[in-house]
Every structure is written in C-alpha cells, then in structure tokens.
Amino acid sequence: MSAAASTLPGAAGAPHVVAREEEPAPRVGATVAAVATPCAPIALNEVLGEYGPMLARIAATYEADPMRREELVQEIVLAVWRSLERFEGRSSVRTFVARIAHNRGVSHVGREIRRPQTVDEGDGPAHSAAGPAQDPVQQVNAEQTYERLVSAVGQLPLGPRQVVSLALEGFDHREIADALGISVNNVGVRLNRARRALREELES
C-alpha cells in the first residue's frame, strides 16, 4: 500500500503521521496512508486536509501552552486515525471528527487538572493571519480582537467553551448537539450563557 504525504494545516509545527499495513498505528514524523472502510472509504490525509485547521483550533480552546497544545493535536490525529474504520456515515465527517477532538480535549483537561502545576511564561493561543496585505493598524486591531476572543473563550467553563468553539466553526445547533452528545435545547442554553459571559469579558 503506497503512502501519501499529509500535514495538518493551520497548526504550527503540526505532526506528520504514517500508517502502514504492518504497523498498528501512525507514527509522528512520517506520512499518512489511506484508511478506508467498506461502507465509507475515507483517507486520513483527506480528512486532515479538509478539517486539520478546525482540529487545531479546537485543540487551542483546551490548551494554551504551545508545546502541550501540539501534543494534544497529535493525540487528536491519532484518535481520528483509529476511529475512521468505525465511521458509519450516521453524521457528517466534520461532526464525527469534531466529536473525537472534543473528547480528546476533555480527557486532556482532566489530565492537566491532575498534573502538578508549574508557573509558565507561555504564549497565548497561536494565530496565524494569512491573506491579502492589510493596513498595519487594522491588522493589529484585528489580531488583538482575535486574541481577546480566544482568551475569553478559553476562560469559559468547559460546557459553554465546547459549544462556542463549534459555533465559531460554523456548526449549527443540531450539529453541535450531535458532536457533543447533548440536546439541541442544551446547546441553546450553553450558547446563551457563553454569549453573556463573552460580552461581559470583551466589554470590560
């Protein structure tokens, strides 16, 4: 089986992963081979090409430290790779991989809570702005607004943080409910609470 190279766009220093028939799991630092199921053939490199930036942004809502965030991204990629063979088409691929990313994020937060705390001088969530050249003042203002939003989202309790991160990715209420395993009404309640908290934080 031939291997196709793949990267995880949108995440600085994102992992390369390899999957070969004789290996049970992908290894960071190599390439990605196609992973398919009889009912819904899906290649991991295609999934990462389409949804890699989204997975990186979801990881950023769970971990602000750049090094630990990269570790979380790699965990998410590995979990996606292992889960593709179980994909049955009951939801969209986007919802499927977002659910995996959030599950790994929750597990990561649980481990971090138990980890002995140290004082970090780390950076905030990474953000790379790409596109046409902007006026320097507008670019600075936009970046500052983005950083404030990401920081404010990161301060939300876990439940509201999850729904906001998916809403910012363009998920509707039903898709968010499917990804998180909660009711549509619960999504609305969490979003309303999150919006109020974010508004207060950003206006302060």
N, C-alpha and C. Protein backbone atom coordinates (compact mmCIF):
# COMPACT_ATOMS: atom_id res chain seq x y z
N MET A 1 0.86 -1.19 0.00
CA MET A 1 0.00 0.00 0.00
C MET A 1 0.88 1.22 0.00
N SER A 2 0.68 2.12 -0.94
CA SER A 2 1.53 3.31 -1.04
C SER A 2 1.12 4.33 -0.03
N ALA A 3 2.07 5.15 0.41
CA ALA A 3 1.80 6.16 1.43
C ALA A 3 1.70 7.51 0.78
N ALA A 4 0.73 8.31 1.21
CA ALA A 4 0.56 9.67 0.69
C ALA A 4 0.91 10.65 1.76
N ALA A 5 1.72 11.66 1.44
CA ALA A 5 2.16 12.62 2.44
C ALA A 5 1.00 13.49 2.87
N SER A 6 0.98 13.86 4.16
CA SER A 6 -0.08 14.71 4.67
C SER A 6 0.46 15.56 5.80
N THR A 7 -0.06 16.77 5.90
CA THR A 7 0.24 17.64 7.03
C THR A 7 -1.05 18.08 7.65
N LEU A 8 -0.97 18.73 8.80
CA LEU A 8 -2.14 19.24 9.48
C LEU A 8 -2.14 20.74 9.33
N PRO A 9 -2.82 21.31 8.31
CA PRO A 9 -2.78 22.75 8.09
C PRO A 9 -3.35 23.50 9.26
N GLY A 10 -2.86 24.72 9.48
CA GLY A 10 -3.41 25.59 10.50
C GLY A 10 -2.78 25.41 11.85
N ALA A 11 -1.86 24.47 12.03
CA ALA A 11 -1.21 24.28 13.32
C ALA A 11 0.28 24.33 13.10
N ALA A 12 0.92 25.31 13.72
CA ALA A 12 2.36 25.45 13.57
C ALA A 12 3.05 24.22 14.11
N GLY A 13 4.00 23.71 13.33
CA GLY A 13 4.73 22.53 13.76
C GLY A 13 3.84 21.31 13.89
N ALA A 14 2.77 21.27 13.05
CA ALA A 14 1.83 20.17 13.15
C ALA A 14 2.49 18.86 12.78
N PRO A 15 2.00 17.76 13.33
CA PRO A 15 2.67 16.48 13.14
C PRO A 15 2.45 15.92 11.75
N HIS A 16 3.42 15.15 11.27
CA HIS A 16 3.24 14.28 10.13
C HIS A 16 3.02 12.89 10.69
N VAL A 17 2.16 12.11 10.07
CA VAL A 17 1.81 10.82 10.62
C VAL A 17 1.96 9.76 9.55
N VAL A 18 2.36 8.56 9.92
CA VAL A 18 2.48 7.47 8.96
C VAL A 18 1.61 6.31 9.38
N ALA A 19 0.96 5.69 8.42
CA ALA A 19 0.18 4.48 8.68
C ALA A 19 0.55 3.46 7.63
N ARG A 20 1.02 2.31 8.05
CA ARG A 20 1.37 1.24 7.13
C ARG A 20 0.67 -0.03 7.55
N GLU A 21 0.51 -0.92 6.61
CA GLU A 21 -0.27 -2.11 6.89
C GLU A 21 0.34 -2.93 8.01
N GLU A 22 1.68 -2.93 8.11
CA GLU A 22 2.30 -3.76 9.13
C GLU A 22 2.40 -3.07 10.48
N GLU A 23 1.95 -1.79 10.58
CA GLU A 23 2.05 -1.06 11.82
C GLU A 23 0.66 -0.84 12.39
N PRO A 24 0.49 -0.95 13.72
CA PRO A 24 -0.84 -0.83 14.30
C PRO A 24 -1.34 0.60 14.39
N ALA A 25 -0.46 1.60 14.31
CA ALA A 25 -0.88 2.99 14.48
C ALA A 25 0.08 3.91 13.76
N PRO A 26 -0.36 5.14 13.44
CA PRO A 26 0.52 6.07 12.75
C PRO A 26 1.61 6.56 13.68
N ARG A 27 2.75 6.94 13.10
CA ARG A 27 3.85 7.47 13.86
C ARG A 27 4.09 8.91 13.45
N VAL A 28 4.29 9.77 14.45
CA VAL A 28 4.58 11.16 14.19
C VAL A 28 5.91 11.27 13.48
N GLY A 29 5.98 12.13 12.46
CA GLY A 29 7.22 12.37 11.78
C GLY A 29 7.32 11.71 10.43
N ALA A 30 6.24 11.08 9.96
CA ALA A 30 6.31 10.44 8.66
C ALA A 30 5.09 10.84 7.84
N THR A 31 4.53 9.91 7.06
CA THR A 31 3.43 10.23 6.15
C THR A 31 2.18 9.51 6.56
N VAL A 32 1.09 9.79 5.83
CA VAL A 32 -0.19 9.19 6.14
C VAL A 32 -0.64 8.33 4.97
N ALA A 33 -1.05 7.10 5.27
CA ALA A 33 -1.60 6.24 4.22
C ALA A 33 -3.12 6.29 4.28
N ALA A 34 -3.75 5.91 3.19
CA ALA A 34 -5.21 5.94 3.14
C ALA A 34 -5.78 4.93 4.11
N VAL A 35 -6.80 5.37 4.84
CA VAL A 35 -7.53 4.48 5.74
C VAL A 35 -8.96 4.47 5.27
N ALA A 36 -9.54 3.32 4.98
CA ALA A 36 -10.88 3.27 4.42
C ALA A 36 -11.68 2.18 5.09
N THR A 37 -13.00 2.32 5.02
CA THR A 37 -13.90 1.29 5.47
C THR A 37 -14.76 0.89 4.28
N PRO A 38 -15.28 -0.34 4.29
CA PRO A 38 -16.09 -0.77 3.16
C PRO A 38 -17.30 0.12 2.91
N CYS A 39 -17.92 0.64 4.00
CA CYS A 39 -19.14 1.42 3.82
C CYS A 39 -18.86 2.87 3.48
N ALA A 40 -17.76 3.41 3.93
CA ALA A 40 -17.47 4.82 3.69
C ALA A 40 -15.96 5.02 3.61
N PRO A 41 -15.39 4.83 2.42
CA PRO A 41 -13.93 4.97 2.29
C PRO A 41 -13.50 6.40 2.61
N ILE A 42 -12.61 6.51 3.56
CA ILE A 42 -12.10 7.82 3.95
C ILE A 42 -10.59 7.72 4.09
N ALA A 43 -9.87 8.66 3.51
CA ALA A 43 -8.43 8.72 3.66
C ALA A 43 -8.09 9.73 4.74
N LEU A 44 -7.21 9.36 5.64
CA LEU A 44 -6.84 10.26 6.72
C LEU A 44 -6.24 11.55 6.19
N ASN A 45 -5.43 11.45 5.13
CA ASN A 45 -4.84 12.67 4.60
C ASN A 45 -5.91 13.62 4.07
N GLU A 46 -7.00 13.08 3.53
CA GLU A 46 -8.09 13.92 3.05
C GLU A 46 -8.82 14.57 4.23
N VAL A 47 -9.01 13.81 5.29
CA VAL A 47 -9.67 14.36 6.48
C VAL A 47 -8.85 15.50 7.06
N LEU A 48 -7.53 15.29 7.17
CA LEU A 48 -6.67 16.33 7.73
C LEU A 48 -6.58 17.54 6.80
N GLY A 49 -6.57 17.29 5.49
CA GLY A 49 -6.53 18.40 4.57
C GLY A 49 -7.77 19.26 4.66
N GLU A 50 -8.92 18.63 4.90
CA GLU A 50 -10.19 19.36 4.97
C GLU A 50 -10.44 19.96 6.34
N TYR A 51 -10.13 19.20 7.39
CA TYR A 51 -10.54 19.61 8.74
C TYR A 51 -9.37 19.84 9.69
N GLY A 52 -8.14 19.73 9.19
CA GLY A 52 -6.98 19.95 10.05
C GLY A 52 -6.99 21.29 10.77
N PRO A 53 -7.25 22.40 10.06
CA PRO A 53 -7.29 23.70 10.75
C PRO A 53 -8.34 23.73 11.85
N MET A 54 -9.50 23.13 11.60
CA MET A 54 -10.54 23.10 12.62
C MET A 54 -10.07 22.32 13.85
N LEU A 55 -9.43 21.17 13.64
CA LEU A 55 -8.94 20.37 14.76
C LEU A 55 -7.91 21.14 15.58
N ALA A 56 -7.05 21.89 14.89
CA ALA A 56 -6.05 22.69 15.60
C ALA A 56 -6.71 23.78 16.43
N ARG A 57 -7.75 24.40 15.88
CA ARG A 57 -8.43 25.46 16.63
C ARG A 57 -9.19 24.88 17.83
N ILE A 58 -9.80 23.71 17.65
CA ILE A 58 -10.46 23.07 18.80
C ILE A 58 -9.44 22.76 19.89
N ALA A 59 -8.28 22.25 19.50
CA ALA A 59 -7.23 21.97 20.48
C ALA A 59 -6.83 23.23 21.23
N ALA A 60 -6.81 24.36 20.52
CA ALA A 60 -6.41 25.63 21.15
C ALA A 60 -7.40 26.08 22.22
N THR A 61 -8.66 25.63 22.13
CA THR A 61 -9.62 26.01 23.17
C THR A 61 -9.43 25.20 24.44
N TYR A 62 -8.68 24.11 24.36
CA TYR A 62 -8.44 23.27 25.53
C TYR A 62 -7.06 23.46 26.13
N GLU A 63 -6.11 23.99 25.36
CA GLU A 63 -4.74 24.10 25.84
C GLU A 63 -4.09 25.36 25.27
N ALA A 64 -3.63 26.25 26.17
CA ALA A 64 -2.98 27.49 25.74
C ALA A 64 -1.48 27.34 25.56
N ASP A 65 -0.87 26.42 26.29
CA ASP A 65 0.57 26.25 26.18
C ASP A 65 0.91 25.64 24.81
N PRO A 66 1.79 26.28 24.03
CA PRO A 66 2.05 25.80 22.66
C PRO A 66 2.54 24.36 22.58
N MET A 67 3.46 23.97 23.47
CA MET A 67 4.00 22.61 23.40
C MET A 67 2.94 21.58 23.76
N ARG A 68 2.19 21.83 24.82
CA ARG A 68 1.15 20.88 25.21
C ARG A 68 0.02 20.87 24.20
N ARG A 69 -0.23 22.04 23.58
CA ARG A 69 -1.26 22.08 22.55
C ARG A 69 -0.86 21.22 21.36
N GLU A 70 0.40 21.25 20.98
CA GLU A 70 0.86 20.40 19.88
C GLU A 70 0.72 18.93 20.23
N GLU A 71 1.01 18.58 21.48
CA GLU A 71 0.81 17.20 21.93
C GLU A 71 -0.65 16.80 21.81
N LEU A 72 -1.54 17.73 22.18
CA LEU A 72 -2.97 17.44 22.10
C LEU A 72 -3.39 17.26 20.64
N VAL A 73 -2.88 18.09 19.73
CA VAL A 73 -3.19 17.94 18.32
C VAL A 73 -2.78 16.56 17.83
N GLN A 74 -1.60 16.11 18.23
CA GLN A 74 -1.14 14.78 17.82
C GLN A 74 -2.05 13.68 18.39
N GLU A 75 -2.49 13.86 19.63
CA GLU A 75 -3.41 12.88 20.21
C GLU A 75 -4.72 12.84 19.43
N ILE A 76 -5.19 14.00 19.01
CA ILE A 76 -6.43 14.07 18.25
C ILE A 76 -6.27 13.37 16.91
N VAL A 77 -5.15 13.63 16.22
CA VAL A 77 -4.90 12.99 14.93
C VAL A 77 -4.87 11.47 15.08
N LEU A 78 -4.20 11.00 16.12
CA LEU A 78 -4.11 9.56 16.36
C LEU A 78 -5.50 8.99 16.62
N ALA A 79 -6.30 9.69 17.43
CA ALA A 79 -7.64 9.21 17.75
C ALA A 79 -8.52 9.19 16.50
N VAL A 80 -8.38 10.20 15.64
CA VAL A 80 -9.14 10.21 14.39
C VAL A 80 -8.74 9.02 13.53
N TRP A 81 -7.43 8.79 13.41
CA TRP A 81 -6.93 7.66 12.60
C TRP A 81 -7.51 6.33 13.08
N ARG A 82 -7.53 6.17 14.40
CA ARG A 82 -8.03 4.91 14.96
C ARG A 82 -9.54 4.76 14.81
N SER A 83 -10.25 5.88 14.68
CA SER A 83 -11.70 5.83 14.67
C SER A 83 -12.31 5.79 13.28
N LEU A 84 -11.53 6.10 12.25
CA LEU A 84 -12.09 6.17 10.91
C LEU A 84 -12.74 4.86 10.47
N GLU A 85 -12.17 3.74 10.87
CA GLU A 85 -12.74 2.47 10.45
C GLU A 85 -14.10 2.22 11.06
N ARG A 86 -14.45 2.97 12.12
CA ARG A 86 -15.76 2.82 12.75
C ARG A 86 -16.79 3.81 12.21
N PHE A 87 -16.36 4.69 11.31
CA PHE A 87 -17.29 5.69 10.77
C PHE A 87 -18.34 5.00 9.90
N GLU A 88 -19.63 5.22 10.23
CA GLU A 88 -20.72 4.55 9.54
C GLU A 88 -21.61 5.51 8.76
N GLY A 89 -21.21 6.78 8.72
CA GLY A 89 -21.99 7.74 7.95
C GLY A 89 -23.25 8.23 8.62
N ARG A 90 -23.38 8.00 9.92
CA ARG A 90 -24.59 8.46 10.63
C ARG A 90 -24.56 9.96 10.87
N SER A 91 -23.42 10.57 10.76
CA SER A 91 -23.28 12.02 10.84
C SER A 91 -22.31 12.44 9.74
N SER A 92 -22.12 13.72 9.60
CA SER A 92 -21.12 14.19 8.63
C SER A 92 -19.73 13.87 9.15
N VAL A 93 -18.76 13.81 8.25
CA VAL A 93 -17.38 13.58 8.67
C VAL A 93 -16.92 14.71 9.58
N ARG A 94 -17.33 15.94 9.27
CA ARG A 94 -16.94 17.08 10.10
C ARG A 94 -17.41 16.91 11.54
N THR A 95 -18.69 16.52 11.71
CA THR A 95 -19.21 16.30 13.06
C THR A 95 -18.49 15.14 13.73
N PHE A 96 -18.21 14.09 12.99
CA PHE A 96 -17.54 12.91 13.52
C PHE A 96 -16.17 13.27 14.08
N VAL A 97 -15.36 13.99 13.30
CA VAL A 97 -14.00 14.30 13.77
C VAL A 97 -14.02 15.37 14.85
N ALA A 98 -15.00 16.28 14.80
CA ALA A 98 -15.10 17.29 15.85
C ALA A 98 -15.44 16.64 17.18
N ARG A 99 -16.32 15.62 17.16
CA ARG A 99 -16.66 14.90 18.39
C ARG A 99 -15.41 14.23 18.97
N ILE A 100 -14.61 13.63 18.11
CA ILE A 100 -13.37 12.98 18.57
C ILE A 100 -12.44 14.03 19.19
N ALA A 101 -12.30 15.17 18.51
CA ALA A 101 -11.40 16.22 19.01
C ALA A 101 -11.85 16.71 20.38
N HIS A 102 -13.14 16.91 20.56
CA HIS A 102 -13.62 17.39 21.86
C HIS A 102 -13.48 16.32 22.94
N ASN A 103 -13.70 15.08 22.59
CA ASN A 103 -13.50 14.02 23.58
C ASN A 103 -12.05 13.96 24.04
N ARG A 104 -11.12 14.09 23.09
CA ARG A 104 -9.71 14.10 23.46
C ARG A 104 -9.39 15.36 24.27
N GLY A 105 -10.02 16.47 23.92
CA GLY A 105 -9.79 17.70 24.69
C GLY A 105 -10.25 17.57 26.13
N VAL A 106 -11.41 16.95 26.33
CA VAL A 106 -11.91 16.75 27.69
C VAL A 106 -10.96 15.86 28.48
N SER A 107 -10.48 14.79 27.84
CA SER A 107 -9.52 13.91 28.52
C SER A 107 -8.24 14.66 28.86
N HIS A 108 -7.82 15.52 27.95
CA HIS A 108 -6.60 16.31 28.17
C HIS A 108 -6.77 17.23 29.38
N VAL A 109 -7.93 17.90 29.44
CA VAL A 109 -8.18 18.81 30.57
C VAL A 109 -8.17 18.03 31.88
N GLY A 110 -8.76 16.84 31.87
CA GLY A 110 -8.76 16.02 33.09
C GLY A 110 -7.36 15.67 33.54
N ARG A 111 -6.48 15.35 32.59
CA ARG A 111 -5.09 15.05 32.95
C ARG A 111 -4.38 16.28 33.47
N GLU A 112 -4.65 17.42 32.84
CA GLU A 112 -3.97 18.65 33.25
C GLU A 112 -4.39 19.07 34.65
N ILE A 113 -5.63 18.81 35.01
CA ILE A 113 -6.10 19.15 36.35
C ILE A 113 -5.32 18.35 37.39
N ARG A 114 -5.00 17.10 37.05
CA ARG A 114 -4.25 16.24 37.99
C ARG A 114 -2.74 16.46 37.93
N ARG A 115 -2.27 17.16 36.89
CA ARG A 115 -0.84 17.37 36.74
C ARG A 115 -0.35 18.42 37.74
N PRO A 116 0.80 18.20 38.39
CA PRO A 116 1.36 19.24 39.26
C PRO A 116 1.58 20.52 38.48
N GLN A 117 1.11 21.62 39.02
CA GLN A 117 1.15 22.89 38.30
C GLN A 117 2.50 23.56 38.42
N THR A 118 2.95 24.15 37.31
CA THR A 118 4.17 24.96 37.31
C THR A 118 3.85 26.31 36.74
N VAL A 119 4.69 27.29 37.04
CA VAL A 119 4.49 28.64 36.52
C VAL A 119 5.04 28.71 35.12
N ASP A 120 4.18 29.08 34.15
CA ASP A 120 4.59 29.17 32.76
C ASP A 120 4.69 30.63 32.34
N GLU A 121 5.60 30.87 31.42
CA GLU A 121 5.67 32.18 30.78
C GLU A 121 5.22 32.01 29.33
N GLY A 122 4.31 31.04 29.14
CA GLY A 122 3.94 30.64 27.78
C GLY A 122 3.17 31.71 27.03
N ASP A 123 3.06 31.47 25.75
CA ASP A 123 2.31 32.36 24.88
C ASP A 123 0.85 31.97 24.94
N GLY A 124 0.01 32.84 24.45
CA GLY A 124 -1.40 32.54 24.31
C GLY A 124 -1.61 31.66 23.10
N PRO A 125 -2.86 31.36 22.79
CA PRO A 125 -3.16 30.52 21.65
C PRO A 125 -2.58 31.10 20.37
N ALA A 126 -2.01 30.21 19.55
CA ALA A 126 -1.37 30.67 18.33
C ALA A 126 -2.40 31.09 17.32
N HIS A 127 -2.06 32.10 16.54
CA HIS A 127 -2.95 32.54 15.48
C HIS A 127 -2.10 33.03 14.34
N SER A 128 -2.28 32.43 13.19
CA SER A 128 -1.54 32.89 12.03
C SER A 128 -2.51 33.55 11.08
N ALA A 129 -2.25 34.78 10.75
CA ALA A 129 -3.12 35.50 9.83
C ALA A 129 -2.56 35.38 8.43
N ALA A 130 -3.39 34.87 7.52
CA ALA A 130 -2.96 34.74 6.14
C ALA A 130 -3.97 35.44 5.26
N GLY A 131 -3.53 35.98 4.16
CA GLY A 131 -4.44 36.62 3.25
C GLY A 131 -3.82 37.89 2.71
N PRO A 132 -4.62 38.73 2.05
CA PRO A 132 -4.12 39.96 1.46
C PRO A 132 -3.52 40.88 2.51
N ALA A 133 -2.59 41.70 2.08
CA ALA A 133 -1.94 42.65 2.98
C ALA A 133 -2.99 43.61 3.54
N GLN A 134 -2.89 43.91 4.83
CA GLN A 134 -3.82 44.81 5.48
C GLN A 134 -3.09 46.05 5.96
N ASP A 135 -3.89 47.06 6.24
CA ASP A 135 -3.34 48.24 6.88
C ASP A 135 -2.78 47.81 8.23
N PRO A 136 -1.53 48.22 8.57
CA PRO A 136 -0.91 47.75 9.82
C PRO A 136 -1.77 47.99 11.05
N VAL A 137 -2.40 49.16 11.13
CA VAL A 137 -3.23 49.47 12.30
C VAL A 137 -4.44 48.53 12.35
N GLN A 138 -5.09 48.31 11.19
CA GLN A 138 -6.23 47.41 11.15
C GLN A 138 -5.82 45.99 11.50
N GLN A 139 -4.65 45.58 11.00
CA GLN A 139 -4.18 44.23 11.28
C GLN A 139 -3.92 44.04 12.76
N VAL A 140 -3.29 45.02 13.39
CA VAL A 140 -3.03 44.94 14.83
C VAL A 140 -4.34 44.87 15.60
N ASN A 141 -5.28 45.74 15.21
CA ASN A 141 -6.58 45.74 15.90
C ASN A 141 -7.30 44.41 15.74
N ALA A 142 -7.25 43.85 14.51
CA ALA A 142 -7.91 42.57 14.26
C ALA A 142 -7.26 41.46 15.08
N GLU A 143 -5.92 41.46 15.12
CA GLU A 143 -5.23 40.43 15.88
C GLU A 143 -5.50 40.55 17.36
N GLN A 144 -5.56 41.79 17.86
CA GLN A 144 -5.84 41.99 19.27
C GLN A 144 -7.26 41.53 19.61
N THR A 145 -8.21 41.83 18.71
CA THR A 145 -9.58 41.38 18.93
C THR A 145 -9.66 39.86 18.94
N TYR A 146 -8.97 39.23 17.99
CA TYR A 146 -8.96 37.77 17.92
C TYR A 146 -8.36 37.18 19.19
N GLU A 147 -7.23 37.73 19.62
CA GLU A 147 -6.57 37.22 20.82
C GLU A 147 -7.45 37.37 22.05
N ARG A 148 -8.16 38.50 22.13
CA ARG A 148 -9.06 38.69 23.26
C ARG A 148 -10.21 37.69 23.23
N LEU A 149 -10.73 37.43 22.01
CA LEU A 149 -11.81 36.46 21.90
C LEU A 149 -11.35 35.07 22.28
N VAL A 150 -10.21 34.65 21.75
CA VAL A 150 -9.69 33.31 22.07
C VAL A 150 -9.42 33.20 23.56
N SER A 151 -8.84 34.24 24.14
CA SER A 151 -8.55 34.23 25.57
C SER A 151 -9.84 34.14 26.38
N ALA A 152 -10.86 34.90 25.96
CA ALA A 152 -12.14 34.89 26.68
C ALA A 152 -12.81 33.52 26.56
N VAL A 153 -12.78 32.93 25.36
CA VAL A 153 -13.36 31.59 25.19
C VAL A 153 -12.65 30.58 26.07
N GLY A 154 -11.33 30.70 26.18
CA GLY A 154 -10.55 29.78 26.99
C GLY A 154 -10.86 29.88 28.48
N GLN A 155 -11.44 31.01 28.91
CA GLN A 155 -11.79 31.20 30.31
C GLN A 155 -13.19 30.68 30.65
N LEU A 156 -13.95 30.33 29.62
CA LEU A 156 -15.29 29.83 29.88
C LEU A 156 -15.25 28.45 30.54
N PRO A 157 -16.29 28.09 31.31
CA PRO A 157 -16.39 26.71 31.79
C PRO A 157 -16.43 25.76 30.60
N LEU A 158 -16.11 24.50 30.85
CA LEU A 158 -15.93 23.54 29.77
C LEU A 158 -17.16 23.43 28.86
N GLY A 159 -18.36 23.31 29.43
CA GLY A 159 -19.55 23.13 28.61
C GLY A 159 -19.78 24.27 27.64
N PRO A 160 -19.87 25.51 28.11
CA PRO A 160 -20.03 26.64 27.18
C PRO A 160 -18.86 26.77 26.21
N ARG A 161 -17.65 26.47 26.68
CA ARG A 161 -16.48 26.57 25.80
C ARG A 161 -16.61 25.62 24.62
N GLN A 162 -17.11 24.42 24.86
CA GLN A 162 -17.26 23.45 23.78
C GLN A 162 -18.24 23.94 22.72
N VAL A 163 -19.40 24.43 23.14
CA VAL A 163 -20.40 24.84 22.15
C VAL A 163 -19.94 26.08 21.39
N VAL A 164 -19.25 27.00 22.07
CA VAL A 164 -18.77 28.20 21.40
C VAL A 164 -17.72 27.85 20.35
N SER A 165 -16.81 26.97 20.70
CA SER A 165 -15.76 26.61 19.75
C SER A 165 -16.34 26.01 18.48
N LEU A 166 -17.39 25.21 18.61
CA LEU A 166 -18.04 24.63 17.43
C LEU A 166 -18.88 25.67 16.69
N ALA A 167 -19.54 26.55 17.44
CA ALA A 167 -20.32 27.61 16.79
C ALA A 167 -19.41 28.51 15.96
N LEU A 168 -18.23 28.78 16.47
CA LEU A 168 -17.27 29.61 15.72
C LEU A 168 -16.78 28.91 14.46
N GLU A 169 -16.89 27.58 14.42
CA GLU A 169 -16.52 26.81 13.23
C GLU A 169 -17.68 26.71 12.24
N GLY A 170 -18.82 27.31 12.56
CA GLY A 170 -19.95 27.29 11.65
C GLY A 170 -20.92 26.14 11.85
N PHE A 171 -20.78 25.39 12.94
CA PHE A 171 -21.73 24.31 13.23
C PHE A 171 -23.07 24.91 13.64
N ASP A 172 -24.17 24.32 13.18
CA ASP A 172 -25.48 24.76 13.66
C ASP A 172 -25.81 24.00 14.95
N HIS A 173 -26.96 24.34 15.55
CA HIS A 173 -27.29 23.77 16.85
C HIS A 173 -27.38 22.24 16.79
N ARG A 174 -27.98 21.70 15.72
CA ARG A 174 -28.12 20.25 15.61
C ARG A 174 -26.76 19.58 15.50
N GLU A 175 -25.87 20.15 14.70
CA GLU A 175 -24.54 19.58 14.53
C GLU A 175 -23.75 19.62 15.83
N ILE A 176 -23.89 20.73 16.58
CA ILE A 176 -23.21 20.83 17.87
C ILE A 176 -23.75 19.77 18.82
N ALA A 177 -25.07 19.60 18.83
CA ALA A 177 -25.68 18.60 19.70
C ALA A 177 -25.18 17.20 19.35
N ASP A 178 -25.08 16.90 18.05
CA ASP A 178 -24.59 15.58 17.63
C ASP A 178 -23.13 15.38 18.02
N ALA A 179 -22.33 16.44 17.88
CA ALA A 179 -20.90 16.32 18.17
C ALA A 179 -20.64 16.12 19.66
N LEU A 180 -21.44 16.76 20.49
CA LEU A 180 -21.20 16.73 21.94
C LEU A 180 -22.09 15.73 22.67
N GLY A 181 -23.08 15.15 21.98
CA GLY A 181 -23.95 14.19 22.63
C GLY A 181 -24.90 14.83 23.63
N ILE A 182 -25.37 16.04 23.33
CA ILE A 182 -26.32 16.74 24.20
C ILE A 182 -27.54 17.12 23.36
N SER A 183 -28.58 17.63 24.02
CA SER A 183 -29.79 18.01 23.31
C SER A 183 -29.61 19.37 22.63
N VAL A 184 -30.45 19.61 21.62
CA VAL A 184 -30.42 20.91 20.94
C VAL A 184 -30.76 22.03 21.91
N ASN A 185 -31.72 21.78 22.80
CA ASN A 185 -32.08 22.80 23.80
C ASN A 185 -30.90 23.12 24.71
N ASN A 186 -30.15 22.09 25.09
CA ASN A 186 -28.98 22.29 25.93
C ASN A 186 -27.94 23.13 25.21
N VAL A 187 -27.79 22.91 23.91
CA VAL A 187 -26.87 23.73 23.11
C VAL A 187 -27.27 25.19 23.20
N GLY A 188 -28.56 25.46 23.02
CA GLY A 188 -29.03 26.85 23.09
C GLY A 188 -28.78 27.48 24.44
N VAL A 189 -29.02 26.73 25.50
CA VAL A 189 -28.79 27.25 26.85
C VAL A 189 -27.32 27.57 27.06
N ARG A 190 -26.44 26.65 26.67
CA ARG A 190 -25.00 26.87 26.84
C ARG A 190 -24.51 28.05 26.02
N LEU A 191 -25.02 28.17 24.78
CA LEU A 191 -24.60 29.29 23.93
C LEU A 191 -25.03 30.62 24.52
N ASN A 192 -26.25 30.69 25.02
CA ASN A 192 -26.73 31.94 25.61
C ASN A 192 -25.88 32.34 26.81
N ARG A 193 -25.55 31.37 27.66
CA ARG A 193 -24.71 31.66 28.81
C ARG A 193 -23.32 32.11 28.37
N ALA A 194 -22.80 31.42 27.35
CA ALA A 194 -21.46 31.76 26.86
C ALA A 194 -21.45 33.15 26.25
N ARG A 195 -22.47 33.51 25.48
CA ARG A 195 -22.52 34.83 24.85
C ARG A 195 -22.55 35.93 25.90
N ARG A 196 -23.34 35.72 26.95
CA ARG A 196 -23.39 36.72 28.01
C ARG A 196 -22.02 36.89 28.67
N ALA A 197 -21.38 35.75 28.96
CA ALA A 197 -20.07 35.81 29.61
C ALA A 197 -19.04 36.46 28.70
N LEU A 198 -19.05 36.12 27.43
CA LEU A 198 -18.10 36.71 26.48
C LEU A 198 -18.34 38.20 26.30
N ARG A 199 -19.60 38.59 26.24
CA ARG A 199 -19.92 40.01 26.08
C ARG A 199 -19.40 40.80 27.28
N GLU A 200 -19.61 40.26 28.47
CA GLU A 200 -19.13 40.97 29.67
C GLU A 200 -17.61 41.05 29.67
N GLU A 201 -16.95 39.96 29.27
CA GLU A 201 -15.49 39.94 29.27
C GLU A 201 -14.92 40.90 28.23
N LEU A 202 -15.48 40.90 27.03
CA LEU A 202 -14.93 41.72 25.95
C LEU A 202 -15.26 43.21 26.12
N GLU A 203 -16.34 43.50 26.87
CA GLU A 203 -16.70 44.90 27.09
C GLU A 203 -16.05 45.47 28.34
N SER A 204 -15.40 44.65 29.12
CA SER A 204 -14.79 45.13 30.37
C SER A 204 -13.48 45.86 30.08
